[in-house]
């Protein structure tokens, strides 16, 4: 077997292996992580065993947190945060300007 012949036939495979990302976390990305926008039912960033929970982009410059296939919280394009549905707070919560609830 000739190394020259093998290298000529598998250059493309070598390039793909070089550009791959280890699934076990042993390497890091050198560019942006680009996910699909997703939907409430199937967020663009989700979990292997819980595919209706994660993060999605509903519109430009907006990030939504999804659990159980339902939007629960989001931050809009100007930085305002919105809680969707019931909110239960336990313990002490501090809010900007020193207000403590």
Protein backbone atom coordinates (compact mmCIF):
# COMPACT_ATOMS: atom_id res chain seq x y z
CA UNK A 1 0.00 0.00 0.00
CA UNK A 2 1.34 3.38 -0.99
CA UNK A 3 1.02 6.32 1.42
CA UNK A 4 0.80 8.66 -1.54
CA UNK A 5 -2.17 6.79 -3.01
CA UNK A 6 -3.96 6.59 0.35
CA UNK A 7 -3.37 10.27 1.14
CA UNK A 8 -4.67 11.27 -2.30
CA UNK A 9 -7.86 9.26 -1.78
CA UNK A 10 -8.59 10.34 1.79
CA UNK A 11 -7.63 14.04 1.93
CA UNK A 12 -11.29 15.04 2.22
CA UNK A 13 -11.85 12.63 5.13
CA UNK A 14 -8.80 14.03 6.91
CA UNK A 15 -10.16 17.56 6.53
CA UNK A 16 -13.50 16.52 8.01
CA UNK A 17 -11.87 14.82 10.99
CA UNK A 18 -9.71 17.89 11.62
CA UNK A 19 -12.81 20.11 11.58
CA UNK A 20 -14.87 17.89 13.90
CA UNK A 21 -15.78 18.59 17.52
CA UNK A 22 -15.37 15.91 20.16
CA UNK A 23 -18.68 14.97 21.81
CA UNK A 24 -17.04 14.29 25.18
CA UNK A 25 -15.90 17.89 25.76
CA UNK A 26 -12.18 17.28 25.28
CA UNK A 27 -12.00 20.08 22.71
CA UNK A 28 -13.58 23.50 22.40
CA UNK A 29 -15.09 25.34 19.48
CA UNK A 30 -13.14 28.11 17.79
CA UNK A 31 -16.21 29.71 16.15
CA UNK A 32 -19.82 30.49 16.91
CA UNK A 33 -22.30 27.80 17.90
CA UNK A 34 -25.16 28.27 15.44
CA UNK A 35 -28.40 26.53 16.40
CA UNK A 36 -31.74 26.41 14.62
CA UNK A 37 -34.35 28.93 15.82
CA UNK A 38 -36.63 26.15 17.04
CA UNK A 39 -40.24 26.24 18.19
CA UNK A 40 -42.02 25.85 21.51
CA UNK A 41 -42.51 22.15 20.82
CA UNK A 42 -38.92 21.65 19.60
CA UNK A 43 -36.51 24.37 20.81
CA UNK A 44 -33.37 24.95 18.73
CA UNK A 45 -31.14 24.07 21.71
CA UNK A 46 -32.49 21.11 23.65
CA UNK A 47 -31.50 18.00 25.58
CA UNK A 48 -31.07 14.42 24.39
CA UNK A 49 -33.76 12.92 26.59
CA UNK A 50 -36.02 15.99 26.95
CA UNK A 51 -36.49 17.48 23.50
CA UNK A 52 -39.31 19.89 24.40
CA UNK A 53 -37.18 21.74 26.97
CA UNK A 54 -34.44 24.19 26.06
CA UNK A 55 -33.86 27.55 24.40
CA UNK A 56 -35.26 29.07 21.24
CA UNK A 57 -35.25 32.26 19.18
CA UNK A 58 -38.81 33.42 18.48
CA UNK A 59 -37.84 36.62 16.65
CA UNK A 60 -34.77 38.76 16.00
CA UNK A 61 -32.70 39.52 19.12
CA UNK A 62 -34.99 37.60 21.49
CA UNK A 63 -34.16 34.53 23.60
CA UNK A 64 -36.81 32.26 25.10
CA UNK A 65 -36.58 29.53 27.74
CA UNK A 66 -38.92 26.62 27.08
CA UNK A 67 -40.02 23.81 29.41
CA UNK A 68 -42.51 21.09 28.56
CA UNK A 69 -43.07 22.57 25.10
CA UNK A 70 -44.21 25.96 26.47
CA UNK A 71 -42.43 29.33 26.55
CA UNK A 72 -41.81 30.21 30.22
CA UNK A 73 -39.44 33.19 30.17
CA UNK A 74 -37.86 35.47 27.60
CA UNK A 75 -35.64 38.50 27.13
CA UNK A 76 -36.59 40.84 24.30
CA UNK A 77 -34.45 42.88 21.91
CA UNK A 78 -34.08 45.82 24.33
CA UNK A 79 -33.19 43.65 27.35
CA UNK A 80 -36.55 43.51 29.09
CA UNK A 81 -37.25 40.18 30.81
CA UNK A 82 -40.70 38.60 30.79
CA UNK A 83 -42.00 35.78 32.98
CA UNK A 84 -44.84 33.93 31.25
CA UNK A 85 -47.34 32.34 33.61
CA UNK A 86 -47.19 32.01 37.38
CA UNK A 87 -44.16 33.14 39.34
CA UNK A 88 -43.35 31.72 42.74
CA UNK A 89 -40.52 33.30 44.73
CA UNK A 90 -39.13 31.74 47.88
CA UNK A 91 -36.47 33.32 50.07
CA UNK A 92 -35.08 36.82 49.60
CA UNK A 93 -35.01 38.41 46.17
CA UNK A 94 -32.96 41.51 45.45
CA UNK A 95 -33.96 43.85 42.64
CA UNK A 96 -31.82 46.66 41.19
CA UNK A 97 -31.84 50.02 43.01
CA UNK A 98 -31.63 48.24 46.36
CA UNK A 99 -35.28 47.20 46.59
CA UNK A 100 -35.60 43.96 48.58
CA UNK A 101 -38.77 41.92 48.53
